[in-house]
Amino acid sequence: NLQDQSTLAEMQEQKAVHSLQEELEKLKST
């Protein structure tokens, strides 16, 4: 199902963005 695949891709993208933001916060706090 194409819609399922695009939804999965979006979820993975959001997870990636979130982890990048966490890394940035770690860098800022040091």
Protein backbone atom coordinates (compact mmCIF):
# COMPACT_ATOMS: atom_id res chain seq x y z
CA ASN A 1 0.00 0.00 0.00
CA LEU A 2 1.58 3.26 -1.15
CA GLN A 3 -0.09 5.32 1.55
CA ASP A 4 1.25 3.03 4.27
CA GLN A 5 4.76 3.33 2.85
CA SER A 6 4.63 7.12 2.73
CA THR A 7 3.24 7.25 6.28
CA LEU A 8 6.06 4.98 7.46
CA ALA A 9 8.59 7.19 5.68
CA GLU A 10 7.13 10.26 7.37
CA MET A 11 7.32 8.61 10.78
CA GLN A 12 10.95 7.64 10.19
CA GLU A 13 11.72 11.16 8.99
CA GLN A 14 10.13 12.68 12.09
CA LYS A 15 12.11 10.31 14.33
CA ALA A 16 15.30 11.35 12.53
CA VAL A 17 14.47 15.04 12.93
CA HIS A 18 13.66 14.51 16.59
CA SER A 19 16.93 12.73 17.30
CA LEU A 20 18.84 15.47 15.46
CA GLN A 21 17.11 18.08 17.59
CA GLU A 22 18.07 16.16 20.74
CA GLU A 23 21.69 16.07 19.56
CA LEU A 24 21.58 19.84 19.02
CA GLU A 25 20.21 20.35 22.52
CA LYS A 26 23.04 18.25 23.95
CA LEU A 27 25.58 20.33 22.06
CA LYS A 28 24.01 23.59 23.22
CA SER A 29 24.01 22.51 26.86
CA THR A 30 27.74 21.86 26.97
